Amino acid sequence: MASKFTDFLFSLSDDPNLVQEFEKNPNDVMDKAGLSADEKNMILNRDVQGIRNHLLTDPDLQNAMGITPGSPRPKKLPMCVFIPKP
């Protein structure tokens, strides 16, 4: 099972309603997802390198990405598109 952080990022990429909720109140949406303060800060501060590093430490990342066991990890990870700051 992927981490809450990984699941959350994939949910944002798959669920337009979640993106709309996130645009309105990102902290509430991240709280509901069970993200830690550090994880929330990475997202809010658009820390792309921190997000990438965090994803790479998830032992279930390949499964979350639909990559079969034994297959190599992609050289690049898809990154979410950040909502512009108001």
PDB file of N, CA and C in Angstrom:
ATOM      1  N   MET A   1       0.843  -1.183   0.000  1.00  0.00           N
ATOM      2  CA  MET A   1       0.000   0.000   0.000  1.00  0.00           C
ATOM      3  C   MET A   1       0.887   1.243   0.000  1.00  0.00           C
ATOM      4  N   ALA A   2       0.588   2.152  -0.883  1.00  0.00           N
ATOM      5  CA  ALA A   2       1.371   3.390  -0.992  1.00  0.00           C
ATOM      6  C   ALA A   2       1.142   4.270   0.234  1.00  0.00           C
ATOM      7  N   SER A   3       2.079   5.173   0.452  1.00  0.00           N
ATOM      8  CA  SER A   3       1.949   6.100   1.578  1.00  0.00           C
ATOM      9  C   SER A   3       0.781   7.051   1.343  1.00  0.00           C
ATOM     10  N   LYS A   4       0.324   7.669   2.411  1.00  0.00           N
ATOM     11  CA  LYS A   4      -0.762   8.650   2.302  1.00  0.00           C
ATOM     12  C   LYS A   4      -0.347   9.788   1.375  1.00  0.00           C
ATOM     13  N   PHE A   5       0.921  10.164   1.439  1.00  0.00           N
ATOM     14  CA  PHE A   5       1.435  11.246   0.608  1.00  0.00           C
ATOM     15  C   PHE A   5       1.344  10.877  -0.872  1.00  0.00           C
ATOM     16  N   THR A   6       1.826   9.691  -1.213  1.00  0.00           N
ATOM     17  CA  THR A   6       1.764   9.215  -2.598  1.00  0.00           C
ATOM     18  C   THR A   6       0.325   9.104  -3.059  1.00  0.00           C
ATOM     19  N   ASP A   7      -0.514   8.496  -2.241  1.00  0.00           N
ATOM     20  CA  ASP A   7      -1.930   8.361  -2.590  1.00  0.00           C
ATOM     21  C   ASP A   7      -2.575   9.728  -2.827  1.00  0.00           C
ATOM     22  N   PHE A   8      -2.237  10.688  -1.983  1.00  0.00           N
ATOM     23  CA  PHE A   8      -2.811  12.025  -2.121  1.00  0.00           C
ATOM     24  C   PHE A   8      -2.411  12.656  -3.450  1.00  0.00           C
ATOM     25  N   LEU A   9      -1.133  12.598  -3.795  1.00  0.00           N
ATOM     26  CA  LEU A   9      -0.680  13.195  -5.046  1.00  0.00           C
ATOM     27  C   LEU A   9      -1.329  12.530  -6.255  1.00  0.00           C
ATOM     28  N   PHE A  10      -1.460  11.213  -6.219  1.00  0.00           N
ATOM     29  CA  PHE A  10      -2.123  10.515  -7.320  1.00  0.00           C
ATOM     30  C   PHE A  10      -3.608  10.870  -7.360  1.00  0.00           C
ATOM     31  N   SER A  11      -4.227  11.058  -6.201  1.00  0.00           N
ATOM     32  CA  SER A  11      -5.638  11.457  -6.157  1.00  0.00           C
ATOM     33  C   SER A  11      -5.840  12.819  -6.794  1.00  0.00           C
ATOM     34  N   LEU A  12      -4.911  13.738  -6.533  1.00  0.00           N
ATOM     35  CA  LEU A  12      -5.004  15.064  -7.155  1.00  0.00           C
ATOM     36  C   LEU A  12      -4.935  14.970  -8.677  1.00  0.00           C
ATOM     37  N   SER A  13      -4.143  14.037  -9.161  1.00  0.00           N
ATOM     38  CA  SER A  13      -4.008  13.924 -10.620  1.00  0.00           C
ATOM     39  C   SER A  13      -5.207  13.240 -11.257  1.00  0.00           C
ATOM     40  N   ASP A  14      -5.992  12.506 -10.455  1.00  0.00           N
ATOM     41  CA  ASP A  14      -7.113  11.731 -10.991  1.00  0.00           C
ATOM     42  C   ASP A  14      -8.493  12.316 -10.712  1.00  0.00           C
ATOM     43  N   ASP A  15      -8.598  13.225  -9.762  1.00  0.00           N
ATOM     44  CA  ASP A  15      -9.906  13.662  -9.286  1.00  0.00           C
ATOM     45  C   ASP A  15     -10.063  15.182  -9.393  1.00  0.00           C
ATOM     46  N   PRO A  16     -10.725  15.659 -10.454  1.00  0.00           N
ATOM     47  CA  PRO A  16     -10.900  17.111 -10.609  1.00  0.00           C
ATOM     48  C   PRO A  16     -11.666  17.750  -9.460  1.00  0.00           C
ATOM     49  N   ASN A  17     -12.569  17.006  -8.837  1.00  0.00           N
ATOM     50  CA  ASN A  17     -13.306  17.555  -7.689  1.00  0.00           C
ATOM     51  C   ASN A  17     -12.375  17.801  -6.513  1.00  0.00           C
ATOM     52  N   LEU A  18     -11.426  16.896  -6.317  1.00  0.00           N
ATOM     53  CA  LEU A  18     -10.460  17.067  -5.234  1.00  0.00           C
ATOM     54  C   LEU A  18      -9.583  18.288  -5.504  1.00  0.00           C
ATOM     55  N   VAL A  19      -9.217  18.498  -6.754  1.00  0.00           N
ATOM     56  CA  VAL A  19      -8.425  19.678  -7.111  1.00  0.00           C
ATOM     57  C   VAL A  19      -9.205  20.949  -6.786  1.00  0.00           C
ATOM     58  N   GLN A  20     -10.488  20.963  -7.108  1.00  0.00           N
ATOM     59  CA  GLN A  20     -11.312  22.141  -6.796  1.00  0.00           C
ATOM     60  C   GLN A  20     -11.374  22.378  -5.296  1.00  0.00           C
ATOM     61  N   GLU A  21     -11.547  21.302  -4.524  1.00  0.00           N
ATOM     62  CA  GLU A  21     -11.556  21.434  -3.062  1.00  0.00           C
ATOM     63  C   GLU A  21     -10.208  21.942  -2.574  1.00  0.00           C
ATOM     64  N   PHE A  22      -9.138  21.403  -3.155  1.00  0.00           N
ATOM     65  CA  PHE A  22      -7.789  21.799  -2.769  1.00  0.00           C
ATOM     66  C   PHE A  22      -7.554  23.276  -3.069  1.00  0.00           C
ATOM     67  N   GLU A  23      -8.043  23.753  -4.208  1.00  0.00           N
ATOM     68  CA  GLU A  23      -7.897  25.166  -4.547  1.00  0.00           C
ATOM     69  C   GLU A  23      -8.583  26.065  -3.522  1.00  0.00           C
ATOM     70  N   LYS A  24      -9.728  25.604  -3.007  1.00  0.00           N
ATOM     71  CA  LYS A  24     -10.490  26.401  -2.043  1.00  0.00           C
ATOM     72  C   LYS A  24      -9.857  26.374  -0.662  1.00  0.00           C
ATOM     73  N   ASN A  25      -9.437  25.197  -0.221  1.00  0.00           N
ATOM     74  CA  ASN A  25      -8.887  25.071   1.119  1.00  0.00           C
ATOM     75  C   ASN A  25      -7.881  23.924   1.179  1.00  0.00           C
ATOM     76  N   PRO A  26      -6.654  24.197   0.760  1.00  0.00           N
ATOM     77  CA  PRO A  26      -5.662  23.133   0.705  1.00  0.00           C
ATOM     78  C   PRO A  26      -5.396  22.462   2.050  1.00  0.00           C
ATOM     79  N   ASN A  27      -5.374  23.231   3.128  1.00  0.00           N
ATOM     80  CA  ASN A  27      -5.073  22.630   4.431  1.00  0.00           C
ATOM     81  C   ASN A  27      -6.132  21.634   4.862  1.00  0.00           C
ATOM     82  N   ASP A  28      -7.402  21.960   4.646  1.00  0.00           N
ATOM     83  CA  ASP A  28      -8.472  21.015   5.002  1.00  0.00           C
ATOM     84  C   ASP A  28      -8.361  19.724   4.206  1.00  0.00           C
ATOM     85  N   VAL A  29      -8.094  19.849   2.916  1.00  0.00           N
ATOM     86  CA  VAL A  29      -7.995  18.663   2.057  1.00  0.00           C
ATOM     87  C   VAL A  29      -6.799  17.807   2.477  1.00  0.00           C
ATOM     88  N   MET A  30      -5.677  18.442   2.778  1.00  0.00           N
ATOM     89  CA  MET A  30      -4.496  17.680   3.193  1.00  0.00           C
ATOM     90  C   MET A  30      -4.686  17.078   4.579  1.00  0.00           C
ATOM     91  N   ASP A  31      -5.400  17.782   5.463  1.00  0.00           N
ATOM     92  CA  ASP A  31      -5.714  17.215   6.780  1.00  0.00           C
ATOM     93  C   ASP A  31      -6.564  15.953   6.634  1.00  0.00           C
ATOM     94  N   LYS A  32      -7.586  16.021   5.770  1.00  0.00           N
ATOM     95  CA  LYS A  32      -8.450  14.858   5.544  1.00  0.00           C
ATOM     96  C   LYS A  32      -7.669  13.682   4.977  1.00  0.00           C
ATOM     97  N   ALA A  33      -6.621  13.975   4.199  1.00  0.00           N
ATOM     98  CA  ALA A  33      -5.796  12.922   3.604  1.00  0.00           C
ATOM     99  C   ALA A  33      -4.801  12.344   4.608  1.00  0.00           C
ATOM    100  N   GLY A  34      -4.679  12.997   5.759  1.00  0.00           N
ATOM    101  CA  GLY A  34      -3.790  12.494   6.802  1.00  0.00           C
ATOM    102  C   GLY A  34      -2.320  12.812   6.585  1.00  0.00           C
ATOM    103  N   LEU A  35      -2.038  13.895   5.867  1.00  0.00           N
ATOM    104  CA  LEU A  35      -0.646  14.252   5.609  1.00  0.00           C
ATOM    105  C   LEU A  35      -0.005  14.876   6.839  1.00  0.00           C
ATOM    106  N   SER A  36       1.291  14.655   6.966  1.00  0.00           N
ATOM    107  CA  SER A  36       2.040  15.244   8.080  1.00  0.00           C
ATOM    108  C   SER A  36       2.304  16.717   7.791  1.00  0.00           C
ATOM    109  N   ALA A  37       2.740  17.438   8.805  1.00  0.00           N
ATOM    110  CA  ALA A  37       3.066  18.858   8.629  1.00  0.00           C
ATOM    111  C   ALA A  37       4.178  19.024   7.595  1.00  0.00           C
ATOM    112  N   ASP A  38       5.184  18.159   7.628  1.00  0.00           N
ATOM    113  CA  ASP A  38       6.275  18.247   6.650  1.00  0.00           C
ATOM    114  C   ASP A  38       5.773  18.004   5.230  1.00  0.00           C
ATOM    115  N   GLU A  39       4.890  17.047   5.066  1.00  0.00           N
ATOM    116  CA  GLU A  39       4.339  16.753   3.741  1.00  0.00           C
ATOM    117  C   GLU A  39       3.510  17.928   3.222  1.00  0.00           C
ATOM    118  N   LYS A  40       2.704  18.500   4.107  1.00  0.00           N
ATOM    119  CA  LYS A  40       1.901  19.665   3.716  1.00  0.00           C
ATOM    120  C   LYS A  40       2.804  20.819   3.286  1.00  0.00           C
ATOM    121  N   ASN A  41       3.857  21.058   4.049  1.00  0.00           N
ATOM    122  CA  ASN A  41       4.774  22.149   3.727  1.00  0.00           C
ATOM    123  C   ASN A  41       5.449  21.935   2.379  1.00  0.00           C
ATOM    124  N   MET A  42       5.828  20.688   2.076  1.00  0.00           N
ATOM    125  CA  MET A  42       6.434  20.414   0.771  1.00  0.00           C
ATOM    126  C   MET A  42       5.498  20.806  -0.360  1.00  0.00           C
ATOM    127  N   ILE A  43       4.232  20.466  -0.211  1.00  0.00           N
ATOM    128  CA  ILE A  43       3.248  20.777  -1.251  1.00  0.00           C
ATOM    129  C   ILE A  43       2.996  22.280  -1.317  1.00  0.00           C
ATOM    130  N   LEU A  44       2.729  22.895  -0.181  1.00  0.00           N
ATOM    131  CA  LEU A  44       2.415  24.323  -0.156  1.00  0.00           C
ATOM    132  C   LEU A  44       3.585  25.192  -0.605  1.00  0.00           C
ATOM    133  N   ASN A  45       4.807  24.735  -0.322  1.00  0.00           N
ATOM    134  CA  ASN A  45       6.002  25.497  -0.704  1.00  0.00           C
ATOM    135  C   ASN A  45       6.524  25.099  -2.078  1.00  0.00           C
ATOM    136  N   ARG A  46       5.808  24.203  -2.740  1.00  0.00           N
ATOM    137  CA  ARG A  46       6.169  23.744  -4.086  1.00  0.00           C
ATOM    138  C   ARG A  46       7.600  23.233  -4.135  1.00  0.00           C
ATOM    139  N   ASP A  47       7.950  22.430  -3.128  1.00  0.00           N
ATOM    140  CA  ASP A  47       9.282  21.850  -3.007  1.00  0.00           C
ATOM    141  C   ASP A  47       9.358  20.603  -3.896  1.00  0.00           C
ATOM    142  N   VAL A  48       9.585  20.824  -5.181  1.00  0.00           N
ATOM    143  CA  VAL A  48       9.558  19.730  -6.150  1.00  0.00           C
ATOM    144  C   VAL A  48      10.600  18.672  -5.814  1.00  0.00           C
ATOM    145  N   GLN A  49      11.803  19.081  -5.436  1.00  0.00           N
ATOM    146  CA  GLN A  49      12.845  18.105  -5.116  1.00  0.00           C
ATOM    147  C   GLN A  49      12.469  17.314  -3.861  1.00  0.00           C
ATOM    148  N   GLY A  50      11.923  17.976  -2.859  1.00  0.00           N
ATOM    149  CA  GLY A  50      11.487  17.275  -1.649  1.00  0.00           C
ATOM    150  C   GLY A  50      10.370  16.294  -1.941  1.00  0.00           C
ATOM    151  N   ILE A  51       9.415  16.702  -2.775  1.00  0.00           N
ATOM    152  CA  ILE A  51       8.308  15.814  -3.155  1.00  0.00           C
ATOM    153  C   ILE A  51       8.856  14.606  -3.896  1.00  0.00           C
ATOM    154  N   ARG A  52       9.750  14.847  -4.840  1.00  0.00           N
ATOM    155  CA  ARG A  52      10.341  13.751  -5.614  1.00  0.00           C
ATOM    156  C   ARG A  52      11.076  12.783  -4.684  1.00  0.00           C
ATOM    157  N   ASN A  53      11.906  13.318  -3.795  1.00  0.00           N
ATOM    158  CA  ASN A  53      12.641  12.467  -2.870  1.00  0.00           C
ATOM    159  C   ASN A  53      11.697  11.661  -1.985  1.00  0.00           C
ATOM    160  N   HIS A  54      10.626  12.305  -1.540  1.00  0.00           N
ATOM    161  CA  HIS A  54       9.650  11.625  -0.680  1.00  0.00           C
ATOM    162  C   HIS A  54       8.968  10.485  -1.443  1.00  0.00           C
ATOM    163  N   LEU A  55       8.606  10.750  -2.684  1.00  0.00           N
ATOM    164  CA  LEU A  55       7.984   9.704  -3.500  1.00  0.00           C
ATOM    165  C   LEU A  55       8.936   8.527  -3.697  1.00  0.00           C
ATOM    166  N   LEU A  56      10.208   8.827  -3.942  1.00  0.00           N
ATOM    167  CA  LEU A  56      11.178   7.758  -4.194  1.00  0.00           C
ATOM    168  C   LEU A  56      11.424   6.882  -2.974  1.00  0.00           C
ATOM    169  N   THR A  57      11.111   7.380  -1.785  1.00  0.00           N
ATOM    170  CA  THR A  57      11.283   6.561  -0.577  1.00  0.00           C
ATOM    171  C   THR A  57      10.076   5.667  -0.314  1.00  0.00           C
ATOM    172  N   ASP A  58       9.003   5.845  -1.079  1.00  0.00           N
ATOM    173  CA  ASP A  58       7.803   5.024  -0.897  1.00  0.00           C
ATOM    174  C   ASP A  58       8.051   3.658  -1.529  1.00  0.00           C
ATOM    175  N   PRO A  59       8.103   2.597  -0.704  1.00  0.00           N
ATOM    176  CA  PRO A  59       8.388   1.277  -1.263  1.00  0.00           C
ATOM    177  C   PRO A  59       7.307   0.766  -2.216  1.00  0.00           C
ATOM    178  N   ASP A  60       6.130   1.366  -2.188  1.00  0.00           N
ATOM    179  CA  ASP A  60       5.043   0.909  -3.052  1.00  0.00           C
ATOM    180  C   ASP A  60       4.786   1.879  -4.218  1.00  0.00           C
ATOM    181  N   LEU A  61       5.757   2.751  -4.493  1.00  0.00           N
ATOM    182  CA  LEU A  61       5.581   3.734  -5.560  1.00  0.00           C
ATOM    183  C   LEU A  61       5.318   3.068  -6.904  1.00  0.00           C
ATOM    184  N   GLN A  62       6.092   2.037  -7.237  1.00  0.00           N
ATOM    185  CA  GLN A  62       5.929   1.399  -8.546  1.00  0.00           C
ATOM    186  C   GLN A  62       4.534   0.812  -8.699  1.00  0.00           C
ATOM    187  N   ASN A  63       4.023   0.193  -7.663  1.00  0.00           N
ATOM    188  CA  ASN A  63       2.671  -0.351  -7.712  1.00  0.00           C
ATOM    189  C   ASN A  63       1.647   0.775  -7.885  1.00  0.00           C
ATOM    190  N   ALA A  64       1.845   1.877  -7.169  1.00  0.00           N
ATOM    191  CA  ALA A  64       0.929   3.016  -7.276  1.00  0.00           C
ATOM    192  C   ALA A  64       0.934   3.585  -8.687  1.00  0.00           C
ATOM    193  N   MET A  65       2.068   3.472  -9.366  1.00  0.00           N
ATOM    194  CA  MET A  65       2.194   3.981 -10.731  1.00  0.00           C
ATOM    195  C   MET A  65       1.749   2.957 -11.775  1.00  0.00           C
ATOM    196  N   GLY A  66       1.390   1.747 -11.323  1.00  0.00           N
ATOM    197  CA  GLY A  66       0.954   0.717 -12.254  1.00  0.00           C
ATOM    198  C   GLY A  66       2.096  -0.002 -12.941  1.00  0.00           C
ATOM    199  N   ILE A  67       3.272   0.034 -12.329  1.00  0.00           N
ATOM    200  CA  ILE A  67       4.445  -0.635 -12.897  1.00  0.00           C
ATOM    201  C   ILE A  67       4.558  -2.019 -12.274  1.00  0.00           C
ATOM    202  N   THR A  68       4.655  -3.025 -13.104  1.00  0.00           N
ATOM    203  CA  THR A  68       4.689  -4.403 -12.611  1.00  0.00           C
ATOM    204  C   THR A  68       5.971  -4.672 -11.825  1.00  0.00           C
ATOM    205  N   PRO A  69       5.870  -5.575 -10.830  1.00  0.00           N
ATOM    206  CA  PRO A  69       7.061  -5.926 -10.044  1.00  0.00           C
ATOM    207  C   PRO A  69       8.175  -6.438 -10.952  1.00  0.00           C
ATOM    208  N   GLY A  70       9.387  -6.039 -10.641  1.00  0.00           N
ATOM    209  CA  GLY A  70      10.538  -6.464 -11.419  1.00  0.00           C
ATOM    210  C   GLY A  70      10.869  -5.533 -12.577  1.00  0.00           C
ATOM    211  N   SER A  71       9.940  -4.674 -12.943  1.00  0.00           N
ATOM    212  CA  SER A  71      10.210  -3.716 -14.012  1.00  0.00           C
ATOM    213  C   SER A  71      11.032  -2.562 -13.443  1.00  0.00           C
ATOM    214  N   PRO A  72      11.860  -1.955 -14.266  1.00  0.00           N
ATOM    215  CA  PRO A  72      12.654  -0.829 -13.760  1.00  0.00           C
ATOM    216  C   PRO A  72      11.787   0.384 -13.469  1.00  0.00           C
ATOM    217  N   ARG A  73      12.213   1.138 -12.501  1.00  0.00           N
ATOM    218  CA  ARG A  73      11.532   2.394 -12.164  1.00  0.00           C
ATOM    219  C   ARG A  73      11.807   3.392 -13.288  1.00  0.00           C
ATOM    220  N   PRO A  74      10.835   4.211 -13.644  1.00  0.00           N
ATOM    221  CA  PRO A  74      11.086   5.207 -14.693  1.00  0.00           C
ATOM    222  C   PRO A  74      12.179   6.185 -14.280  1.00  0.00           C
ATOM    223  N   LYS A  75      12.896   6.702 -15.256  1.00  0.00           N
ATOM    224  CA  LYS A  75      13.962   7.661 -14.964  1.00  0.00           C
ATOM    225  C   LYS A  75      13.403   8.968 -14.439  1.00  0.00           C
ATOM    226  N   LYS A  76      12.199   9.298 -14.886  1.00  0.00           N
ATOM    227  CA  LYS A  76      11.557  10.536 -14.436  1.00  0.00           C
ATOM    228  C   LYS A  76      10.232  10.186 -13.781  1.00  0.00           C
ATOM    229  N   LEU A  77       9.898  10.934 -12.749  1.00  0.00           N
ATOM    230  CA  LEU A  77       8.605  10.773 -12.100  1.00  0.00           C
ATOM    231  C   LEU A  77       7.662  11.851 -12.592  1.00  0.00           C
ATOM    232  N   PRO A  78       6.406  11.493 -12.813  1.00  0.00           N
ATOM    233  CA  PRO A  78       5.458  12.551 -13.170  1.00  0.00           C
ATOM    234  C   PRO A  78       5.274  13.473 -11.964  1.00  0.00           C
ATOM    235  N   MET A  79       5.221  14.741 -12.208  1.00  0.00           N
ATOM    236  CA  MET A  79       5.014  15.700 -11.129  1.00  0.00           C
ATOM    237  C   MET A  79       3.668  16.372 -11.300  1.00  0.00           C
ATOM    238  N   CYS A  80       3.058  16.686 -10.195  1.00  0.00           N
ATOM    239  CA  CYS A  80       1.744  17.326 -10.263  1.00  0.00           C
ATOM    240  C   CYS A  80       1.911  18.779 -10.699  1.00  0.00           C
ATOM    241  N   VAL A  81       0.867  19.315 -11.269  1.00  0.00           N
ATOM    242  CA  VAL A  81       0.846  20.712 -11.658  1.00  0.00           C
ATOM    243  C   VAL A  81       0.333  21.491 -10.454  1.00  0.00           C
ATOM    244  N   PHE A  82       1.108  22.433  -9.998  1.00  0.00           N
ATOM    245  CA  PHE A  82       0.738  23.164  -8.813  1.00  0.00           C
ATOM    246  C   PHE A  82      -0.226  24.287  -9.154  1.00  0.00           C
ATOM    247  N   ILE A  83      -1.150  24.496  -8.256  1.00  0.00           N
ATOM    248  CA  ILE A  83      -2.107  25.582  -8.400  1.00  0.00           C
ATOM    249  C   ILE A  83      -1.380  26.882  -8.054  1.00  0.00           C
ATOM    250  N   PRO A  84      -1.500  27.901  -8.897  1.00  0.00           N
ATOM    251  CA  PRO A  84      -0.806  29.152  -8.606  1.00  0.00           C
ATOM    252  C   PRO A  84      -1.270  29.773  -7.293  1.00  0.00           C
ATOM    253  N   LYS A  85      -0.344  30.410  -6.626  1.00  0.00           N
ATOM    254  CA  LYS A  85      -0.691  31.122  -5.399  1.00  0.00           C
ATOM    255  C   LYS A  85      -1.552  32.326  -5.772  1.00  0.00           C
ATOM    256  N   PRO A  86      -2.579  32.620  -4.955  1.00  0.00           N
ATOM    257  CA  PRO A  86      -3.431  33.785  -5.264  1.00  0.00           C
ATOM    258  C   PRO A  86      -2.688  35.088  -5.144  1.00  0.00           C
TER     259      PRO A  86
END
